Amino acid sequence: MFHLCYLFLLLSPVKSNGENITTFPAILIFGDSTVDTGNNNYLTTAVKANHYPYGKDFPTHFPTGRFSNGKLSVDFLASMLGVKESIPPFVYPGLSTYELVTGVSFASAGTGYDTLTTAMTRVLPMSKQVEYFKSYSERLKKIVGEKEARRIINRALVAVSAGTNDFIFNFYDVPTRRAEFNIYNYQEFILERLHDFVKGCCGTGLLEAGPICTPLTPLCQNSSEYLFFDSIHPSEKAYHYVTECLMKEINDRL
């Protein structure tokens, strides 16, 4: 079965005390229940984890909307990177200035890249999560000013985790898409939706690749801030990051 793992974007190494250390002022999260820290609590949907036993091992021992007995991996990531102890949901009406400045989750349990998925689950589609990110950017500007807001967003760690629900809701359990696709074609369909969400550096980032990504095609200002260089192929930064992960895995096994 197709499974889309985490994608980490906008990795900006910052020099500190002469050493090349990757630091992040904020973490921004997009995706499904694997990274939803409670946004669905505020939606009219049955896809919620605001009840026991969810959250029984969370520091408050109270359900937070996370689909886990405690924290999610993005919470641990934020803690390990020294950003903060956990990631709040963006839809939470009582977000503090500190929480906004250091990052939030826009994710929604039950979502996917296929619009039919959210039509069934009545949660936030990926496109709505992007709209919320734009709203977040405007709120951030009002708090810290335009220049600092741009710095925070440009140096933020962005994590995306989604894709599994598309197969659960649209292919296996409720075979809506099986009338149109076989499993391989549907996987390609979902990857195309992912490309729509994570645009590349070359041109629009949606179509340009190979012969239509040329010296005449407009490029983004800094390709190291992009996961993809063209509409298909990862950027050097992404390749470098994947290689680092592989090297760590190899070294751990030696």
Protein backbone atom coordinates (compact mmCIF):
# COMPACT_ATOMS: atom_id res chain seq x y z
CA MET A 1 0.00 0.00 0.00
CA PHE A 2 1.20 3.49 -0.84
CA HIS A 3 2.33 5.42 2.21
CA LEU A 4 3.52 9.00 2.13
CA CYS A 5 6.13 9.69 4.82
CA TYR A 6 7.03 13.07 6.24
CA LEU A 7 8.39 15.68 3.88
CA PHE A 8 10.59 18.34 5.45
CA LEU A 9 10.95 21.65 3.60
CA LEU A 10 12.74 24.98 3.99
CA LEU A 11 15.80 23.65 5.77
CA SER A 12 17.99 26.70 6.38
CA PRO A 13 21.38 26.13 8.04
CA VAL A 14 22.39 29.06 10.25
CA LYS A 15 25.94 29.65 11.45
CA SER A 16 26.33 29.99 15.19
CA ASN A 17 29.68 30.44 16.98
CA GLY A 18 31.49 29.48 13.79
CA GLU A 19 29.65 26.16 13.50
CA ASN A 20 27.13 25.21 10.86
CA ILE A 21 24.06 24.40 12.92
CA THR A 22 20.54 24.02 11.55
CA THR A 23 18.23 26.13 13.70
CA PHE A 24 14.55 26.85 13.21
CA PRO A 25 12.64 29.76 14.73
CA ALA A 26 9.32 28.01 14.06
CA ILE A 27 7.73 24.76 12.91
CA LEU A 28 4.76 24.75 10.52
CA ILE A 29 2.77 21.54 10.00
CA PHE A 30 0.41 20.42 7.22
CA GLY A 31 -1.33 17.08 6.79
CA ASP A 32 -3.65 14.54 8.39
CA SER A 33 -4.20 12.80 11.75
CA THR A 34 -0.51 11.91 12.07
CA VAL A 35 0.22 15.62 12.60
CA ASP A 36 -3.14 17.15 13.62
CA THR A 37 -2.61 18.49 17.14
CA GLY A 38 -6.27 19.39 17.66
CA ASN A 39 -7.68 21.39 14.76
CA ASN A 40 -10.55 18.95 14.24
CA ASN A 41 -11.83 19.75 17.73
CA TYR A 42 -13.19 22.96 16.22
CA LEU A 43 -14.73 21.45 13.08
CA THR A 44 -18.15 19.92 12.43
CA THR A 45 -16.85 16.42 11.77
CA ALA A 46 -16.99 13.02 13.43
CA VAL A 47 -13.23 12.60 12.89
CA LYS A 48 -12.09 13.71 16.33
CA ALA A 49 -9.86 12.48 19.14
CA ASN A 50 -11.15 14.77 21.89
CA HIS A 51 -12.14 11.91 24.17
CA TYR A 52 -10.52 9.24 26.33
CA PRO A 53 -8.33 7.19 25.91
CA TYR A 54 -6.70 9.71 23.57
CA GLY A 55 -4.32 11.92 25.50
CA LYS A 56 -4.10 9.68 28.55
CA ASP A 57 -0.28 9.91 28.50
CA PHE A 58 -0.10 13.55 27.43
CA PRO A 59 1.50 15.78 30.13
CA THR A 60 -1.98 17.01 31.11
CA HIS A 61 -3.45 13.45 30.95
CA PHE A 62 -6.29 14.99 28.99
CA PRO A 63 -7.43 14.44 25.38
CA THR A 64 -6.09 17.22 23.16
CA GLY A 65 -7.41 16.15 19.77
CA ARG A 66 -4.21 14.30 18.93
CA PHE A 67 -4.80 10.80 17.57
CA SER A 68 -2.40 9.29 20.08
CA ASN A 69 -2.17 8.35 23.72
CA GLY A 70 0.23 11.29 24.10
CA LYS A 71 2.38 13.51 21.92
CA LEU A 72 2.88 13.23 18.17
CA SER A 73 6.21 13.00 16.40
CA VAL A 74 6.03 16.69 15.46
CA ASP A 75 5.77 17.55 19.16
CA PHE A 76 8.89 15.52 19.89
CA LEU A 77 10.59 17.12 16.89
CA ALA A 78 9.82 20.60 18.20
CA SER A 79 11.20 19.64 21.60
CA MET A 80 14.36 18.01 20.23
CA LEU A 81 15.08 21.08 18.08
CA GLY A 82 14.62 23.35 21.07
CA VAL A 83 11.70 25.26 19.58
CA LYS A 84 9.05 24.36 22.19
CA GLU A 85 7.56 21.33 23.92
CA SER A 86 4.52 20.81 21.68
CA ILE A 87 2.80 22.23 18.59
CA PRO A 88 -0.62 23.89 19.03
CA PRO A 89 -3.46 23.71 16.49
CA PHE A 90 -3.89 26.88 14.44
CA VAL A 91 -7.69 26.86 14.77
CA TYR A 92 -7.49 27.06 18.58
CA PRO A 93 -9.06 30.47 19.41
CA GLY A 94 -6.80 31.15 22.41
CA LEU A 95 -3.42 30.99 20.67
CA SER A 96 -0.84 33.13 22.41
CA THR A 97 1.64 35.42 20.68
CA TYR A 98 4.44 33.02 21.62
CA GLU A 99 2.66 30.04 20.08
CA LEU A 100 2.01 31.91 16.83
CA VAL A 101 5.59 33.10 16.53
CA THR A 102 7.11 29.66 17.17
CA GLY A 103 4.79 27.67 14.91
CA VAL A 104 1.49 25.84 14.63
CA SER A 105 -0.17 22.89 12.97
CA PHE A 106 -2.67 23.44 10.17
CA ALA A 107 -3.24 19.69 9.81
CA SER A 108 -6.64 18.05 9.91
CA ALA A 109 -7.30 14.39 10.71
CA GLY A 110 -9.05 12.59 7.86
CA THR A 111 -7.74 14.85 5.11
CA GLY A 112 -5.90 13.92 1.93
CA TYR A 113 -4.73 15.27 -1.39
CA ASP A 114 -7.85 14.01 -3.18
CA THR A 115 -10.78 16.43 -2.81
CA LEU A 116 -13.16 13.47 -2.57
CA THR A 117 -11.48 12.45 0.68
CA THR A 118 -12.46 15.61 2.52
CA ALA A 119 -15.91 15.56 0.91
CA MET A 120 -16.50 12.33 2.82
CA THR A 121 -14.80 13.28 6.10
CA ARG A 122 -15.82 16.97 6.21
CA VAL A 123 -12.44 18.12 7.43
CA LEU A 124 -9.88 20.67 6.22
CA PRO A 125 -8.60 19.95 2.71
CA MET A 126 -4.96 20.68 1.97
CA SER A 127 -6.02 23.77 0.01
CA LYS A 128 -7.77 25.17 3.10
CA GLN A 129 -4.67 24.48 5.17
CA VAL A 130 -2.71 26.63 2.72
CA GLU A 131 -5.32 29.39 3.14
CA TYR A 132 -4.87 29.17 6.90
CA PHE A 133 -1.13 29.48 6.41
CA LYS A 134 -1.70 32.74 4.51
CA SER A 135 -3.88 33.95 7.37
CA TYR A 136 -1.15 32.91 9.80
CA SER A 137 1.40 34.94 7.82
CA GLU A 138 -0.76 38.07 8.08
CA ARG A 139 -1.23 37.59 11.83
CA LEU A 140 2.51 37.07 12.24
CA LYS A 141 3.24 40.34 10.41
CA LYS A 142 1.02 42.23 12.84
CA ILE A 143 2.89 40.72 15.79
CA VAL A 144 6.54 41.01 14.73
CA GLY A 145 6.49 43.20 11.63
CA GLU A 146 6.81 42.25 7.97
CA LYS A 147 10.61 41.84 7.90
CA GLU A 148 10.77 39.57 10.96
CA ALA A 149 7.73 37.60 9.82
CA ARG A 150 9.45 36.92 6.51
CA ARG A 151 12.59 35.79 8.34
CA ILE A 152 10.63 33.41 10.58
CA ILE A 153 8.71 31.85 7.70
CA ASN A 154 11.76 31.59 5.44
CA ARG A 155 13.72 29.77 8.16
CA ALA A 156 10.88 27.64 9.51
CA LEU A 157 10.86 23.86 9.37
CA VAL A 158 7.80 22.80 7.41
CA ALA A 159 6.52 19.23 7.75
CA VAL A 160 3.89 17.61 5.52
CA SER A 161 2.34 14.24 6.29
CA ALA A 162 -0.67 13.00 4.31
CA GLY A 163 -1.80 10.55 1.66
CA THR A 164 -2.94 7.45 3.53
CA ASN A 165 -6.56 8.60 3.97
CA ASP A 166 -6.95 8.94 0.22
CA PHE A 167 -6.45 5.20 -0.10
CA ILE A 168 -8.50 4.28 2.97
CA PHE A 169 -11.55 6.37 2.15
CA ASN A 170 -11.46 6.39 -1.64
CA PHE A 171 -9.95 3.12 -2.71
CA TYR A 172 -10.17 0.32 -0.15
CA ASP A 173 -13.07 0.90 2.24
CA VAL A 174 -15.28 3.05 0.04
CA PRO A 175 -14.19 2.24 -3.51
CA THR A 176 -15.19 5.56 -5.08
CA ARG A 177 -11.97 5.95 -7.04
CA ARG A 178 -11.66 2.28 -7.96
CA ALA A 179 -14.21 2.93 -10.71
CA GLU A 180 -11.67 5.30 -12.30
CA PHE A 181 -8.21 4.02 -11.33
CA ASN A 182 -6.28 0.90 -10.56
CA ILE A 183 -3.99 1.08 -7.54
CA TYR A 184 -0.96 2.21 -9.52
CA ASN A 185 -2.80 4.95 -11.40
CA TYR A 186 -4.40 6.23 -8.22
CA GLN A 187 -0.99 6.46 -6.60
CA GLU A 188 0.16 8.61 -9.52
CA PHE A 189 -2.99 10.71 -9.16
CA ILE A 190 -2.23 11.37 -5.48
CA LEU A 191 1.40 12.22 -6.24
CA GLU A 192 0.18 14.77 -8.77
CA ARG A 193 -2.00 16.33 -6.06
CA LEU A 194 1.07 16.44 -3.82
CA HIS A 195 2.97 18.28 -6.53
CA ASP A 196 0.13 20.80 -6.67
CA PHE A 197 0.60 21.38 -2.97
CA VAL A 198 4.42 21.38 -2.84
CA LYS A 199 5.33 23.51 -5.84
CA GLY A 200 8.78 23.38 -7.44
CA CYS A 201 11.29 26.17 -8.03
CA CYS A 202 11.23 26.14 -11.86
CA GLY A 203 8.41 28.18 -13.36
CA THR A 204 5.01 27.48 -11.84
CA GLY A 205 6.41 24.35 -10.18
CA LEU A 206 3.50 22.32 -11.54
CA LEU A 207 4.36 21.55 -15.17
CA GLU A 208 7.95 22.54 -15.91
CA ALA A 209 10.39 19.63 -16.08
CA GLY A 210 13.05 18.44 -18.53
CA PRO A 211 12.64 20.20 -21.90
CA ILE A 212 10.23 22.83 -20.53
CA CYS A 213 12.43 23.85 -17.60
CA THR A 214 14.91 25.95 -19.58
CA PRO A 215 17.22 28.98 -19.11
CA LEU A 216 14.25 31.10 -20.19
CA THR A 217 11.93 29.73 -17.48
CA PRO A 218 11.59 31.96 -14.39
CA LEU A 219 13.15 30.48 -11.25
CA CYS A 220 12.49 31.00 -7.56
CA GLN A 221 14.95 33.29 -5.79
CA ASN A 222 16.49 30.60 -3.57
CA SER A 223 16.18 26.99 -4.74
CA SER A 224 17.54 25.70 -1.42
CA GLU A 225 14.21 26.69 0.16
CA TYR A 226 12.28 24.28 -2.09
CA LEU A 227 11.68 20.56 -1.78
CA PHE A 228 11.40 20.19 -5.57
CA PHE A 229 13.51 21.91 -8.20
CA ASP A 230 11.09 21.23 -11.05
CA SER A 231 7.62 19.68 -10.99
CA ILE A 232 9.05 16.16 -10.60
CA HIS A 233 12.58 16.18 -9.24
CA PRO A 234 13.78 17.09 -5.71
CA SER A 235 16.09 20.02 -5.13
CA GLU A 236 19.72 19.56 -4.14
CA LYS A 237 18.79 20.54 -0.60
CA ALA A 238 16.22 17.74 -0.46
CA TYR A 239 18.68 15.21 -1.88
CA HIS A 240 21.29 16.34 0.64
CA TYR A 241 18.85 15.98 3.52
CA VAL A 242 17.78 12.49 2.40
CA THR A 243 21.45 11.50 2.09
CA GLU A 244 22.14 12.69 5.62
CA CYS A 245 19.25 10.57 6.88
CA LEU A 246 20.56 7.55 4.98
CA MET A 247 24.08 8.06 6.32
CA LYS A 248 22.77 8.24 9.86
CA GLU A 249 20.84 5.01 9.29
CA ILE A 250 23.97 3.32 7.88
CA ASN A 251 26.20 4.55 10.70
CA ASP A 252 23.68 3.38 13.31
CA ARG A 253 23.87 -0.12 11.88
CA LEU A 254 27.68 -0.31 11.81
